[in-house]
Amino acid sequence: MKKVCLFVFVTLVAAFTAAGAMAMEAPRDVIKATTDQVLVEVQNDREALRADPAKMYNLVSELIFPHFDFPIMAQWVLGSHWKDASEATRNEFIEQFRKLLVRTYATALLEFSNQKISYPDAQDTQKGKTVLVRQAIEQTGSQPIVLGYRLHKPNDQWKVLDVAVDGVSLVKTYRASFVSIIQEGGVEGLISSLSAKNKEINQ
C-alpha cells in the first residue's frame, strides 16, 4: 500500500481511541471527537516523538491499539492457515502482527500534515453486525483519499476489523503479502520473519 495511504490510514484509525465514556457513541461521533485529540498531541510533540522512537511506539500502543480487534484481524489475515495453527502459534502471530503495525503507525503518524477531513456519506452503512464509516482526506492537487472503516461492537465498544484505502482492504493487502512467506516456511516462518523485523519494538 502506498506510503501516503499508510500514513492517512494510521492517523485516522487513531480516531478509535475513545475510552469508556465514548464507547456508546456512534462510530462517526467517536471518530470526529477523537481524531483531533490524537493529532494535536502528535503535532505538539512531533520533534520529541521523532527523536525518541520508544516514546512514539508507546503513544501508538496506548492510544490506538486497545481499540483494534486483533484476534479477528489476525484470523482474516491468515485465512485457512488459522484453523491449522495451535493456540500458542495464533497468539504469537497476533503479537508479532501488532508489533508490525506499531512500527508502521509510529512512522506514519509523524507524516500527517493537517489535511482537511470530511465525511462524504449522509449516514454510515450498516451490514449485518458491522458498520462502515467513510472518511475523505483532501490532497493538494489530487483527488481525496477515501477510507472505509469496518467496525463491530462485541462488548459495547466499537472495535476496528478492517480499513479500506480507496477500496483496498488493509487485511487483504497483508494477507496477500504474507502468502509467499507462509508457503515457504509456514505460519511459524512468517512469525520468525516478523519477529526479526520487530526486535526494536519493546511493546
N, C-alpha and C. Protein backbone atom coordinates (compact mmCIF):
# COMPACT_ATOMS: atom_id res chain seq x y z
N MET A 1 0.84 -1.18 0.00
CA MET A 1 0.00 0.00 0.00
C MET A 1 0.89 1.24 0.00
N LYS A 2 0.51 2.23 -0.74
CA LYS A 2 1.34 3.42 -0.88
C LYS A 2 1.57 4.10 0.46
N LYS A 3 2.74 4.74 0.58
CA LYS A 3 3.12 5.39 1.83
C LYS A 3 2.08 6.40 2.27
N VAL A 4 1.57 7.19 1.32
CA VAL A 4 0.59 8.20 1.69
C VAL A 4 -0.66 7.56 2.23
N CYS A 5 -1.06 6.42 1.66
CA CYS A 5 -2.24 5.73 2.15
C CYS A 5 -2.01 5.20 3.56
N LEU A 6 -0.81 4.71 3.80
CA LEU A 6 -0.49 4.18 5.12
C LEU A 6 -0.58 5.27 6.18
N PHE A 7 0.01 6.46 5.89
CA PHE A 7 0.01 7.45 6.96
C PHE A 7 -1.39 8.01 7.18
N VAL A 8 -2.19 8.09 6.11
CA VAL A 8 -3.56 8.54 6.29
C VAL A 8 -4.34 7.52 7.08
N PHE A 9 -4.19 6.27 6.72
CA PHE A 9 -4.88 5.19 7.43
C PHE A 9 -4.54 5.19 8.91
N VAL A 10 -3.27 5.28 9.19
CA VAL A 10 -2.80 5.25 10.57
C VAL A 10 -3.36 6.40 11.37
N THR A 11 -3.27 7.59 10.81
CA THR A 11 -3.71 8.78 11.52
C THR A 11 -5.17 8.70 11.86
N LEU A 12 -5.96 8.24 10.93
CA LEU A 12 -7.40 8.25 11.16
C LEU A 12 -7.87 7.08 11.98
N VAL A 13 -7.15 5.99 11.96
CA VAL A 13 -7.50 4.88 12.83
C VAL A 13 -7.36 5.31 14.28
N ALA A 14 -6.52 6.30 14.53
CA ALA A 14 -6.38 6.83 15.89
C ALA A 14 -7.70 7.36 16.42
N ALA A 15 -8.64 7.60 15.54
CA ALA A 15 -9.94 8.10 15.96
C ALA A 15 -10.67 7.15 16.89
N PHE A 16 -10.28 5.90 16.89
CA PHE A 16 -10.98 4.94 17.71
C PHE A 16 -10.37 4.79 19.09
N THR A 17 -9.67 5.80 19.56
CA THR A 17 -9.04 5.74 20.87
C THR A 17 -9.95 6.23 21.98
N ALA A 18 -11.20 6.48 21.71
CA ALA A 18 -12.11 6.93 22.75
C ALA A 18 -12.25 5.87 23.83
N ALA A 19 -12.26 6.30 25.08
CA ALA A 19 -12.36 5.36 26.19
C ALA A 19 -13.81 5.16 26.57
N GLY A 20 -14.03 4.52 27.72
CA GLY A 20 -15.35 4.04 28.10
C GLY A 20 -16.48 5.01 27.92
N ALA A 21 -16.30 6.28 28.28
CA ALA A 21 -17.41 7.24 28.22
C ALA A 21 -17.91 7.43 26.81
N MET A 22 -17.04 7.18 25.81
CA MET A 22 -17.43 7.40 24.43
C MET A 22 -17.83 6.11 23.73
N ALA A 23 -17.74 4.99 24.45
CA ALA A 23 -17.93 3.70 23.82
C ALA A 23 -19.31 3.53 23.21
N MET A 24 -20.33 4.19 23.81
CA MET A 24 -21.69 4.02 23.35
C MET A 24 -22.06 4.99 22.24
N GLU A 25 -21.18 5.90 21.87
CA GLU A 25 -21.47 6.83 20.80
C GLU A 25 -21.42 6.13 19.45
N ALA A 26 -22.04 6.77 18.46
CA ALA A 26 -21.98 6.24 17.11
C ALA A 26 -20.54 6.26 16.61
N PRO A 27 -20.16 5.32 15.74
CA PRO A 27 -18.78 5.26 15.25
C PRO A 27 -18.29 6.58 14.68
N ARG A 28 -19.13 7.26 13.91
CA ARG A 28 -18.70 8.52 13.31
C ARG A 28 -18.45 9.59 14.38
N ASP A 29 -19.27 9.60 15.42
CA ASP A 29 -19.08 10.56 16.50
C ASP A 29 -17.75 10.32 17.22
N VAL A 30 -17.42 9.04 17.42
CA VAL A 30 -16.16 8.71 18.07
C VAL A 30 -14.99 9.20 17.22
N ILE A 31 -15.09 8.98 15.91
CA ILE A 31 -14.03 9.42 15.00
C ILE A 31 -13.85 10.93 15.07
N LYS A 32 -14.96 11.66 14.94
CA LYS A 32 -14.86 13.11 14.92
C LYS A 32 -14.30 13.67 16.23
N ALA A 33 -14.72 13.09 17.35
CA ALA A 33 -14.34 13.63 18.64
C ALA A 33 -12.89 13.36 19.00
N THR A 34 -12.35 12.26 18.50
CA THR A 34 -11.03 11.84 18.97
C THR A 34 -9.90 12.07 17.98
N THR A 35 -10.19 12.16 16.70
CA THR A 35 -9.13 12.38 15.72
C THR A 35 -8.33 13.64 16.04
N ASP A 36 -9.03 14.73 16.31
CA ASP A 36 -8.34 15.99 16.63
C ASP A 36 -7.47 15.84 17.86
N GLN A 37 -7.99 15.13 18.86
CA GLN A 37 -7.24 14.97 20.10
C GLN A 37 -5.90 14.28 19.86
N VAL A 38 -5.93 13.19 19.08
CA VAL A 38 -4.70 12.43 18.83
C VAL A 38 -3.74 13.24 17.96
N LEU A 39 -4.25 13.87 16.93
CA LEU A 39 -3.38 14.62 16.02
C LEU A 39 -2.74 15.82 16.71
N VAL A 40 -3.49 16.49 17.57
CA VAL A 40 -2.91 17.62 18.30
C VAL A 40 -1.76 17.15 19.18
N GLU A 41 -1.93 16.02 19.83
CA GLU A 41 -0.87 15.50 20.69
C GLU A 41 0.39 15.20 19.89
N VAL A 42 0.22 14.59 18.72
CA VAL A 42 1.37 14.27 17.88
C VAL A 42 2.02 15.54 17.33
N GLN A 43 1.18 16.45 16.85
CA GLN A 43 1.72 17.67 16.24
C GLN A 43 2.43 18.56 17.26
N ASN A 44 1.91 18.61 18.48
CA ASN A 44 2.52 19.45 19.50
C ASN A 44 3.85 18.90 19.99
N ASP A 45 4.05 17.60 19.85
CA ASP A 45 5.25 16.97 20.38
C ASP A 45 6.01 16.23 19.28
N ARG A 46 5.84 16.69 18.04
CA ARG A 46 6.35 15.96 16.89
C ARG A 46 7.87 15.71 16.96
N GLU A 47 8.63 16.76 17.26
CA GLU A 47 10.09 16.62 17.24
C GLU A 47 10.58 15.68 18.34
N ALA A 48 9.98 15.78 19.52
CA ALA A 48 10.36 14.89 20.62
C ALA A 48 10.02 13.45 20.28
N LEU A 49 8.88 13.24 19.67
CA LEU A 49 8.47 11.89 19.28
C LEU A 49 9.37 11.35 18.17
N ARG A 50 9.73 12.22 17.25
CA ARG A 50 10.61 11.81 16.15
C ARG A 50 12.00 11.42 16.69
N ALA A 51 12.44 12.12 17.72
CA ALA A 51 13.77 11.87 18.28
C ALA A 51 13.80 10.64 19.21
N ASP A 52 12.64 10.22 19.67
CA ASP A 52 12.57 9.12 20.63
C ASP A 52 11.57 8.07 20.14
N PRO A 53 12.02 7.09 19.33
CA PRO A 53 11.11 6.09 18.78
C PRO A 53 10.30 5.35 19.85
N ALA A 54 10.92 5.06 21.01
CA ALA A 54 10.21 4.34 22.06
C ALA A 54 8.99 5.11 22.54
N LYS A 55 9.12 6.43 22.62
CA LYS A 55 8.01 7.27 23.03
C LYS A 55 6.89 7.21 22.00
N MET A 56 7.26 7.20 20.74
CA MET A 56 6.27 7.13 19.68
C MET A 56 5.58 5.77 19.69
N TYR A 57 6.35 4.69 19.90
CA TYR A 57 5.77 3.35 19.97
C TYR A 57 4.76 3.26 21.12
N ASN A 58 5.13 3.86 22.26
CA ASN A 58 4.22 3.84 23.41
C ASN A 58 2.94 4.59 23.11
N LEU A 59 3.07 5.71 22.43
CA LEU A 59 1.90 6.51 22.07
C LEU A 59 0.94 5.69 21.21
N VAL A 60 1.50 5.01 20.22
CA VAL A 60 0.67 4.18 19.34
C VAL A 60 -0.01 3.07 20.12
N SER A 61 0.76 2.37 20.94
CA SER A 61 0.22 1.23 21.69
C SER A 61 -0.86 1.64 22.68
N GLU A 62 -0.66 2.78 23.33
CA GLU A 62 -1.58 3.19 24.38
C GLU A 62 -2.84 3.87 23.85
N LEU A 63 -2.72 4.63 22.76
CA LEU A 63 -3.85 5.40 22.28
C LEU A 63 -4.67 4.70 21.20
N ILE A 64 -4.03 3.86 20.41
CA ILE A 64 -4.71 3.30 19.25
C ILE A 64 -5.12 1.85 19.43
N PHE A 65 -4.17 1.01 19.78
CA PHE A 65 -4.39 -0.43 19.64
C PHE A 65 -5.35 -1.08 20.63
N PRO A 66 -5.65 -0.48 21.77
CA PRO A 66 -6.69 -1.08 22.60
C PRO A 66 -8.05 -1.15 21.91
N HIS A 67 -8.20 -0.40 20.81
CA HIS A 67 -9.48 -0.34 20.12
C HIS A 67 -9.46 -1.06 18.78
N PHE A 68 -8.50 -1.96 18.61
CA PHE A 68 -8.46 -2.85 17.45
C PHE A 68 -8.87 -4.25 17.89
N ASP A 69 -9.57 -4.96 17.04
CA ASP A 69 -9.89 -6.36 17.31
C ASP A 69 -8.82 -7.22 16.64
N PHE A 70 -7.64 -7.31 17.26
CA PHE A 70 -6.52 -8.02 16.65
C PHE A 70 -6.77 -9.50 16.42
N PRO A 71 -7.43 -10.23 17.33
CA PRO A 71 -7.69 -11.65 17.05
C PRO A 71 -8.48 -11.87 15.76
N ILE A 72 -9.50 -11.04 15.54
CA ILE A 72 -10.28 -11.17 14.31
C ILE A 72 -9.44 -10.77 13.09
N MET A 73 -8.71 -9.68 13.18
CA MET A 73 -7.87 -9.25 12.07
C MET A 73 -6.83 -10.31 11.72
N ALA A 74 -6.20 -10.88 12.76
CA ALA A 74 -5.18 -11.91 12.54
C ALA A 74 -5.77 -13.14 11.88
N GLN A 75 -6.96 -13.52 12.31
CA GLN A 75 -7.63 -14.67 11.71
C GLN A 75 -7.91 -14.44 10.24
N TRP A 76 -8.37 -13.26 9.90
CA TRP A 76 -8.65 -12.94 8.50
C TRP A 76 -7.37 -12.88 7.67
N VAL A 77 -6.29 -12.34 8.26
CA VAL A 77 -5.03 -12.25 7.54
C VAL A 77 -4.48 -13.64 7.22
N LEU A 78 -4.56 -14.55 8.18
CA LEU A 78 -4.02 -15.90 7.95
C LEU A 78 -4.96 -16.78 7.13
N GLY A 79 -6.23 -16.45 7.08
CA GLY A 79 -7.16 -17.23 6.28
C GLY A 79 -7.23 -18.68 6.73
N SER A 80 -7.12 -19.60 5.79
CA SER A 80 -7.26 -21.03 6.09
C SER A 80 -6.14 -21.56 6.99
N HIS A 81 -5.03 -20.83 7.07
CA HIS A 81 -3.92 -21.28 7.91
C HIS A 81 -4.24 -21.10 9.39
N TRP A 82 -5.21 -20.27 9.71
CA TRP A 82 -5.55 -20.02 11.10
C TRP A 82 -6.05 -21.28 11.80
N LYS A 83 -6.92 -22.04 11.14
CA LYS A 83 -7.53 -23.21 11.79
C LYS A 83 -6.53 -24.32 12.04
N ASP A 84 -5.44 -24.35 11.29
CA ASP A 84 -4.43 -25.39 11.47
C ASP A 84 -3.36 -25.00 12.49
N ALA A 85 -3.38 -23.75 12.93
CA ALA A 85 -2.36 -23.29 13.87
C ALA A 85 -2.78 -23.58 15.30
N SER A 86 -1.79 -23.87 16.16
CA SER A 86 -2.07 -24.09 17.57
C SER A 86 -2.42 -22.77 18.23
N GLU A 87 -2.98 -22.84 19.44
CA GLU A 87 -3.34 -21.62 20.15
C GLU A 87 -2.10 -20.77 20.42
N ALA A 88 -0.99 -21.43 20.78
CA ALA A 88 0.26 -20.70 21.05
C ALA A 88 0.76 -19.99 19.79
N THR A 89 0.66 -20.67 18.65
CA THR A 89 1.09 -20.07 17.38
C THR A 89 0.20 -18.88 17.01
N ARG A 90 -1.10 -19.05 17.22
CA ARG A 90 -2.03 -17.95 16.94
C ARG A 90 -1.70 -16.73 17.78
N ASN A 91 -1.49 -16.95 19.08
CA ASN A 91 -1.20 -15.84 19.99
C ASN A 91 0.10 -15.14 19.62
N GLU A 92 1.10 -15.92 19.20
CA GLU A 92 2.38 -15.31 18.83
C GLU A 92 2.24 -14.52 17.53
N PHE A 93 1.44 -15.03 16.60
CA PHE A 93 1.23 -14.27 15.36
C PHE A 93 0.50 -12.96 15.66
N ILE A 94 -0.53 -13.01 16.50
CA ILE A 94 -1.25 -11.78 16.87
C ILE A 94 -0.28 -10.75 17.42
N GLU A 95 0.63 -11.20 18.32
CA GLU A 95 1.57 -10.28 18.94
C GLU A 95 2.54 -9.69 17.93
N GLN A 96 3.08 -10.51 17.04
CA GLN A 96 4.04 -10.00 16.05
C GLN A 96 3.34 -9.13 15.00
N PHE A 97 2.11 -9.45 14.66
CA PHE A 97 1.35 -8.63 13.74
C PHE A 97 1.08 -7.26 14.36
N ARG A 98 0.74 -7.24 15.65
CA ARG A 98 0.53 -5.98 16.35
C ARG A 98 1.80 -5.14 16.33
N LYS A 99 2.93 -5.76 16.60
CA LYS A 99 4.20 -5.01 16.60
C LYS A 99 4.54 -4.47 15.21
N LEU A 100 4.21 -5.25 14.18
CA LEU A 100 4.42 -4.77 12.82
C LEU A 100 3.66 -3.47 12.59
N LEU A 101 2.42 -3.44 13.06
CA LEU A 101 1.61 -2.24 12.88
C LEU A 101 2.09 -1.10 13.77
N VAL A 102 2.63 -1.41 14.95
CA VAL A 102 3.21 -0.36 15.79
C VAL A 102 4.30 0.38 15.01
N ARG A 103 5.20 -0.36 14.38
CA ARG A 103 6.29 0.26 13.62
C ARG A 103 5.74 1.10 12.49
N THR A 104 4.77 0.55 11.77
CA THR A 104 4.19 1.27 10.63
C THR A 104 3.51 2.55 11.10
N TYR A 105 2.70 2.46 12.15
CA TYR A 105 1.93 3.61 12.61
C TYR A 105 2.82 4.69 13.21
N ALA A 106 3.85 4.27 13.95
CA ALA A 106 4.73 5.24 14.59
C ALA A 106 5.38 6.15 13.55
N THR A 107 5.78 5.57 12.43
CA THR A 107 6.36 6.36 11.35
C THR A 107 5.30 7.20 10.65
N ALA A 108 4.16 6.58 10.40
CA ALA A 108 3.13 7.24 9.62
C ALA A 108 2.51 8.44 10.33
N LEU A 109 2.28 8.33 11.63
CA LEU A 109 1.66 9.43 12.36
C LEU A 109 2.46 10.72 12.28
N LEU A 110 3.78 10.59 12.20
CA LEU A 110 4.64 11.77 12.17
C LEU A 110 4.58 12.50 10.83
N GLU A 111 3.94 11.88 9.82
CA GLU A 111 3.92 12.46 8.49
C GLU A 111 2.63 13.19 8.15
N PHE A 112 1.63 13.07 9.01
CA PHE A 112 0.37 13.74 8.72
C PHE A 112 0.56 15.25 8.77
N SER A 113 -0.03 15.99 7.81
CA SER A 113 0.24 17.43 7.73
C SER A 113 -1.03 18.26 7.55
N ASN A 114 -1.98 18.05 8.45
CA ASN A 114 -3.16 18.93 8.55
C ASN A 114 -4.07 18.94 7.33
N GLN A 115 -4.19 17.81 6.63
CA GLN A 115 -5.14 17.76 5.53
C GLN A 115 -6.57 17.88 6.07
N LYS A 116 -7.45 18.42 5.25
CA LYS A 116 -8.85 18.55 5.64
C LYS A 116 -9.52 17.18 5.64
N ILE A 117 -10.31 16.92 6.67
CA ILE A 117 -11.00 15.64 6.82
C ILE A 117 -12.50 15.88 6.70
N SER A 118 -13.18 15.08 5.88
CA SER A 118 -14.63 15.21 5.74
C SER A 118 -15.28 13.83 5.69
N TYR A 119 -16.62 13.84 5.74
CA TYR A 119 -17.39 12.60 5.75
C TYR A 119 -18.38 12.66 4.59
N PRO A 120 -18.10 11.93 3.51
CA PRO A 120 -18.87 12.10 2.27
C PRO A 120 -20.27 11.53 2.31
N ASP A 121 -20.55 10.63 3.25
CA ASP A 121 -21.87 9.98 3.27
C ASP A 121 -22.80 10.68 4.26
N ALA A 122 -24.08 10.71 3.91
CA ALA A 122 -25.07 11.30 4.80
C ALA A 122 -25.19 10.49 6.09
N GLN A 123 -25.03 9.19 5.98
CA GLN A 123 -25.05 8.33 7.15
C GLN A 123 -24.17 7.10 6.91
N ASP A 124 -23.77 6.46 7.99
CA ASP A 124 -22.91 5.29 7.88
C ASP A 124 -23.70 4.10 7.37
N THR A 125 -22.98 3.13 6.80
CA THR A 125 -23.62 1.96 6.19
C THR A 125 -23.55 0.78 7.13
N GLN A 126 -24.70 0.21 7.46
CA GLN A 126 -24.73 -0.97 8.32
C GLN A 126 -24.91 -2.21 7.46
N LYS A 127 -24.10 -3.24 7.77
CA LYS A 127 -24.19 -4.51 7.07
C LYS A 127 -24.10 -5.61 8.11
N GLY A 128 -25.25 -6.23 8.42
CA GLY A 128 -25.27 -7.23 9.49
C GLY A 128 -24.92 -6.57 10.81
N LYS A 129 -23.90 -7.11 11.46
CA LYS A 129 -23.48 -6.58 12.76
C LYS A 129 -22.31 -5.60 12.65
N THR A 130 -21.95 -5.23 11.44
CA THR A 130 -20.85 -4.29 11.26
C THR A 130 -21.35 -2.97 10.67
N VAL A 131 -20.54 -1.94 10.87
CA VAL A 131 -20.86 -0.60 10.36
C VAL A 131 -19.67 -0.10 9.55
N LEU A 132 -19.95 0.51 8.42
CA LEU A 132 -18.91 1.10 7.58
C LEU A 132 -18.98 2.61 7.69
N VAL A 133 -17.88 3.23 8.09
CA VAL A 133 -17.78 4.68 8.16
C VAL A 133 -16.76 5.13 7.12
N ARG A 134 -17.20 6.01 6.21
CA ARG A 134 -16.27 6.51 5.18
C ARG A 134 -15.79 7.90 5.55
N GLN A 135 -14.51 8.12 5.21
CA GLN A 135 -13.86 9.38 5.53
C GLN A 135 -13.04 9.81 4.32
N ALA A 136 -13.04 11.09 4.01
CA ALA A 136 -12.30 11.61 2.86
C ALA A 136 -11.20 12.55 3.34
N ILE A 137 -9.98 12.34 2.81
CA ILE A 137 -8.83 13.16 3.17
C ILE A 137 -8.43 13.98 1.95
N GLU A 138 -8.53 15.30 2.07
CA GLU A 138 -8.19 16.17 0.95
C GLU A 138 -6.69 16.13 0.66
N GLN A 139 -6.33 16.13 -0.63
CA GLN A 139 -4.94 16.12 -1.06
C GLN A 139 -4.72 17.27 -2.04
N THR A 140 -3.74 18.10 -1.78
CA THR A 140 -3.47 19.23 -2.67
C THR A 140 -3.11 18.75 -4.07
N GLY A 141 -3.85 19.20 -5.05
CA GLY A 141 -3.54 18.87 -6.44
C GLY A 141 -3.96 17.49 -6.89
N SER A 142 -4.71 16.77 -6.06
CA SER A 142 -5.16 15.43 -6.46
C SER A 142 -6.49 15.11 -5.79
N GLN A 143 -7.07 13.99 -6.19
CA GLN A 143 -8.35 13.57 -5.63
C GLN A 143 -8.20 13.20 -4.15
N PRO A 144 -9.26 13.40 -3.39
CA PRO A 144 -9.21 12.99 -1.98
C PRO A 144 -8.98 11.49 -1.85
N ILE A 145 -8.33 11.11 -0.77
CA ILE A 145 -8.20 9.70 -0.43
C ILE A 145 -9.40 9.32 0.43
N VAL A 146 -10.11 8.27 0.04
CA VAL A 146 -11.31 7.86 0.76
C VAL A 146 -11.01 6.58 1.55
N LEU A 147 -11.30 6.64 2.83
CA LEU A 147 -11.10 5.49 3.69
C LEU A 147 -12.44 4.93 4.15
N GLY A 148 -12.52 3.62 4.22
CA GLY A 148 -13.72 2.97 4.73
C GLY A 148 -13.37 2.12 5.94
N TYR A 149 -13.93 2.47 7.09
CA TYR A 149 -13.66 1.74 8.33
C TYR A 149 -14.77 0.73 8.57
N ARG A 150 -14.40 -0.53 8.77
CA ARG A 150 -15.37 -1.56 9.12
C ARG A 150 -15.24 -1.84 10.61
N LEU A 151 -16.32 -1.63 11.35
CA LEU A 151 -16.31 -1.80 12.80
C LEU A 151 -17.40 -2.74 13.26
N HIS A 152 -17.17 -3.35 14.43
CA HIS A 152 -18.25 -4.03 15.13
C HIS A 152 -18.15 -3.68 16.60
N LYS A 153 -19.18 -4.08 17.37
CA LYS A 153 -19.22 -3.72 18.78
C LYS A 153 -19.50 -4.98 19.60
N PRO A 154 -18.46 -5.79 19.85
CA PRO A 154 -18.67 -7.06 20.56
C PRO A 154 -19.01 -6.89 22.04
N ASN A 155 -18.48 -5.85 22.68
CA ASN A 155 -18.69 -5.66 24.12
C ASN A 155 -18.99 -4.20 24.45
N ASP A 156 -19.96 -3.64 23.77
CA ASP A 156 -20.36 -2.26 24.00
C ASP A 156 -19.25 -1.25 23.69
N GLN A 157 -18.29 -1.64 22.88
CA GLN A 157 -17.24 -0.71 22.46
C GLN A 157 -16.90 -1.01 21.00
N TRP A 158 -16.86 0.04 20.19
CA TRP A 158 -16.57 -0.14 18.78
C TRP A 158 -15.12 -0.57 18.59
N LYS A 159 -14.93 -1.62 17.79
CA LYS A 159 -13.59 -2.15 17.50
C LYS A 159 -13.38 -2.20 15.99
N VAL A 160 -12.18 -1.88 15.57
CA VAL A 160 -11.84 -1.87 14.15
C VAL A 160 -11.55 -3.29 13.68
N LEU A 161 -12.21 -3.70 12.61
CA LEU A 161 -11.99 -5.01 11.99
C LEU A 161 -11.11 -4.90 10.74
N ASP A 162 -11.29 -3.83 10.00
CA ASP A 162 -10.56 -3.65 8.75
C ASP A 162 -10.72 -2.20 8.31
N VAL A 163 -9.81 -1.75 7.48
CA VAL A 163 -9.88 -0.43 6.87
C VAL A 163 -9.53 -0.56 5.40
N ALA A 164 -10.32 0.07 4.55
CA ALA A 164 -10.02 0.09 3.12
C ALA A 164 -9.56 1.50 2.74
N VAL A 165 -8.49 1.59 1.98
CA VAL A 165 -7.98 2.88 1.48
C VAL A 165 -8.23 2.92 -0.02
N ASP A 166 -9.11 3.83 -0.44
CA ASP A 166 -9.52 3.88 -1.84
C ASP A 166 -9.94 2.50 -2.33
N GLY A 167 -10.67 1.79 -1.48
CA GLY A 167 -11.22 0.49 -1.84
C GLY A 167 -10.30 -0.69 -1.61
N VAL A 168 -9.07 -0.45 -1.17
CA VAL A 168 -8.10 -1.53 -0.95
C VAL A 168 -8.07 -1.88 0.53
N SER A 169 -8.43 -3.12 0.85
CA SER A 169 -8.51 -3.58 2.23
C SER A 169 -7.13 -3.79 2.84
N LEU A 170 -6.94 -3.27 4.06
CA LEU A 170 -5.69 -3.48 4.78
C LEU A 170 -5.47 -4.97 5.05
N VAL A 171 -6.51 -5.64 5.53
CA VAL A 171 -6.41 -7.06 5.85
C VAL A 171 -6.05 -7.87 4.61
N LYS A 172 -6.72 -7.61 3.50
CA LYS A 172 -6.44 -8.36 2.28
C LYS A 172 -5.03 -8.05 1.76
N THR A 173 -4.57 -6.82 1.94
CA THR A 173 -3.23 -6.45 1.50
C THR A 173 -2.17 -7.23 2.26
N TYR A 174 -2.30 -7.28 3.58
CA TYR A 174 -1.35 -8.05 4.38
C TYR A 174 -1.45 -9.54 4.08
N ARG A 175 -2.67 -10.02 3.92
CA ARG A 175 -2.86 -11.45 3.61
C ARG A 175 -2.11 -11.83 2.33
N ALA A 176 -2.23 -10.99 1.31
CA ALA A 176 -1.56 -11.26 0.03
C ALA A 176 -0.04 -11.18 0.18
N SER A 177 0.43 -10.23 0.98
CA SER A 177 1.88 -10.04 1.12
C SER A 177 2.53 -11.16 1.92
N PHE A 178 1.75 -11.88 2.74
CA PHE A 178 2.29 -12.95 3.57
C PHE A 178 2.25 -14.32 2.89
N VAL A 179 1.56 -14.43 1.76
CA VAL A 179 1.35 -15.73 1.12
C VAL A 179 2.65 -16.46 0.84
N SER A 180 3.59 -15.80 0.19
CA SER A 180 4.83 -16.47 -0.22
C SER A 180 5.66 -16.90 1.00
N ILE A 181 5.64 -16.11 2.05
CA ILE A 181 6.39 -16.46 3.26
C ILE A 181 5.80 -17.70 3.91
N ILE A 182 4.47 -17.77 3.97
CA ILE A 182 3.80 -18.94 4.55
C ILE A 182 4.03 -20.18 3.71
N GLN A 183 3.99 -20.02 2.39
CA GLN A 183 4.24 -21.16 1.51
C GLN A 183 5.63 -21.74 1.71
N GLU A 184 6.58 -20.87 2.02
CA GLU A 184 7.97 -21.30 2.19
C GLU A 184 8.23 -21.91 3.56
N GLY A 185 7.71 -21.25 4.61
CA GLY A 185 8.05 -21.70 5.96
C GLY A 185 6.89 -21.87 6.91
N GLY A 186 5.68 -21.85 6.37
CA GLY A 186 4.51 -21.99 7.23
C GLY A 186 4.27 -20.74 8.07
N VAL A 187 3.27 -20.82 8.94
CA VAL A 187 2.96 -19.69 9.81
C VAL A 187 4.14 -19.41 10.74
N GLU A 188 4.82 -20.48 11.17
CA GLU A 188 5.99 -20.31 12.04
C GLU A 188 7.08 -19.51 11.34
N GLY A 189 7.25 -19.74 10.05
CA GLY A 189 8.23 -18.97 9.29
C GLY A 189 7.85 -17.51 9.18
N LEU A 190 6.55 -17.25 9.03
CA LEU A 190 6.07 -15.87 8.98
C LEU A 190 6.31 -15.18 10.32
N ILE A 191 6.03 -15.89 11.40
CA ILE A 191 6.26 -15.32 12.74
C ILE A 191 7.73 -14.99 12.93
N SER A 192 8.61 -15.88 12.51
CA SER A 192 10.05 -15.64 12.64
C SER A 192 10.48 -14.41 11.84
N SER A 193 9.92 -14.28 10.63
CA SER A 193 10.25 -13.13 9.78
C SER A 193 9.80 -11.83 10.42
N LEU A 194 8.57 -11.83 10.95
CA LEU A 194 8.05 -10.63 11.59
C LEU A 194 8.83 -10.30 12.87
N SER A 195 9.16 -11.35 13.62
CA SER A 195 9.89 -11.17 14.88
C SER A 195 11.25 -10.52 14.64
N ALA A 196 11.93 -10.94 13.58
CA ALA A 196 13.23 -10.36 13.25
C ALA A 196 13.12 -8.87 12.95
N LYS A 197 12.03 -8.48 12.29
CA LYS A 197 11.85 -7.08 11.94
C LYS A 197 11.35 -6.25 13.13
N ASN A 198 10.78 -6.94 14.11
CA ASN A 198 10.14 -6.25 15.22
C ASN A 198 11.02 -6.14 16.47
N LYS A 199 12.26 -6.57 16.37
CA LYS A 199 13.12 -6.61 17.56
C LYS A 199 13.26 -5.28 18.25
N GLU A 200 13.17 -4.20 17.46
CA GLU A 200 13.35 -2.87 18.05
C GLU A 200 12.14 -2.42 18.84
N ILE A 201 11.02 -3.14 18.69
CA ILE A 201 9.78 -2.74 19.37
C ILE A 201 9.65 -3.49 20.67
N ASN A 202 9.85 -2.81 21.78
CA ASN A 202 9.72 -3.43 23.09
C ASN A 202 8.35 -3.09 23.67
N GLN A 203 7.32 -3.65 23.04
CA GLN A 203 5.95 -3.34 23.47
C GLN A 203 5.25 -4.62 23.88
